[in-house]
Amino acid sequence: MSDVFARHRSGLESPAAHLAAVTPDDAADLAVASRALNVAGSGSVRLTTTGGSTGTVYVSAGAAFPVRARRVWATGTTATGIVAMW
């Protein structure tokens, strides 16, 4: 496979290059902070940002929600099929 963008520097405005399934957890941070979250089933996502704010946001299925999350909480999260993008 050829990647014509391989020599370009990636920034926060760039598309995600990595994906990881997220299991919401009240006690553990994500292995890598997200650039965005995507969900298969719409719902609320309680999260803590890399800036330290904790709150709940509504995420629609299939849409990338741009947020630098360090934790996705089980308590307060109703969205399903959560994927972290970075």
Protein backbone atom coordinates (compact mmCIF):
# COMPACT_ATOMS: atom_id res chain seq x y z
CA MET A 1 0.00 0.00 0.00
CA SER A 2 1.26 3.45 -0.84
CA ASP A 3 0.61 6.32 1.56
CA VAL A 4 1.15 9.62 -0.24
CA PHE A 5 0.76 11.48 3.06
CA ALA A 6 3.42 9.49 4.96
CA ARG A 7 5.90 12.38 4.78
CA HIS A 8 3.40 14.95 6.07
CA ARG A 9 3.34 15.93 9.72
CA SER A 10 0.10 14.94 11.44
CA GLY A 11 -1.74 17.59 13.48
CA LEU A 12 -4.99 17.77 15.43
CA GLU A 13 -6.80 18.85 12.26
CA SER A 14 -5.59 15.71 10.46
CA PRO A 15 -7.78 12.61 10.17
CA ALA A 16 -7.27 9.92 12.78
CA ALA A 17 -4.71 7.25 11.97
CA HIS A 18 -5.49 4.89 14.87
CA LEU A 19 -8.64 3.34 16.36
CA ALA A 20 -9.27 1.45 19.59
CA ALA A 21 -12.42 0.00 21.10
CA VAL A 22 -13.29 1.65 24.42
CA THR A 23 -14.66 -0.18 27.44
CA PRO A 24 -16.02 2.51 29.76
CA ASP A 25 -14.33 2.31 33.17
CA ASP A 26 -14.79 4.48 36.26
CA ALA A 27 -11.28 3.72 37.55
CA ALA A 28 -8.96 3.66 34.53
CA ASP A 29 -7.86 6.15 31.90
CA LEU A 30 -7.64 5.26 28.21
CA ALA A 31 -4.27 3.86 27.10
CA VAL A 32 -3.98 6.81 24.67
CA ALA A 33 -5.90 10.09 24.81
CA SER A 34 -8.42 10.42 21.99
CA ARG A 35 -8.66 12.99 19.23
CA ALA A 36 -12.33 12.05 18.74
CA LEU A 37 -14.89 9.44 19.78
CA ASN A 38 -17.27 7.52 17.55
CA VAL A 39 -20.19 5.41 18.75
CA ALA A 40 -22.29 2.70 17.11
CA GLY A 41 -25.31 3.42 19.31
CA SER A 42 -26.23 7.04 20.12
CA GLY A 43 -26.25 8.09 23.74
CA SER A 44 -24.54 9.91 26.56
CA VAL A 45 -20.81 9.60 27.15
CA ARG A 46 -19.43 10.70 30.51
CA LEU A 47 -15.78 11.56 30.05
CA THR A 48 -12.78 13.37 31.47
CA THR A 49 -10.85 15.52 29.03
CA THR A 50 -7.07 15.84 28.83
CA GLY A 51 -7.59 19.29 30.36
CA GLY A 52 -9.15 17.72 33.47
CA SER A 53 -12.84 18.59 32.93
CA THR A 54 -15.40 15.88 33.59
CA GLY A 55 -18.86 16.00 32.07
CA THR A 56 -21.43 14.23 29.96
CA VAL A 57 -21.95 14.80 26.23
CA TYR A 58 -24.42 13.31 23.79
CA VAL A 59 -22.80 11.53 20.84
CA SER A 60 -24.77 10.55 17.72
CA ALA A 61 -24.09 7.20 16.11
CA GLY A 62 -21.71 7.29 13.18
CA ALA A 63 -20.42 10.82 13.73
CA ALA A 64 -16.92 11.56 14.98
CA PHE A 65 -17.23 13.70 18.11
CA PRO A 66 -14.03 15.76 18.45
CA VAL A 67 -12.83 15.53 22.04
CA ARG A 68 -9.46 14.96 23.69
CA ALA A 69 -10.68 12.38 26.23
CA ARG A 70 -8.45 10.65 28.73
CA ARG A 71 -11.22 8.62 30.45
CA VAL A 72 -14.63 7.32 29.43
CA TRP A 73 -16.69 6.58 32.53
CA ALA A 74 -19.00 3.56 32.86
CA THR A 75 -21.30 5.48 35.21
CA GLY A 76 -23.35 7.90 33.13
CA THR A 77 -22.43 6.41 29.74
CA THR A 78 -25.31 4.99 27.69
CA ALA A 79 -23.75 5.09 24.20
CA THR A 80 -22.58 1.74 22.86
CA GLY A 81 -19.84 0.59 20.54
CA ILE A 82 -17.47 3.39 21.54
CA VAL A 83 -14.26 3.79 19.53
CA ALA A 84 -11.44 6.19 20.37
CA MET A 85 -9.73 7.81 17.40
CA TRP A 86 -6.28 9.39 17.42
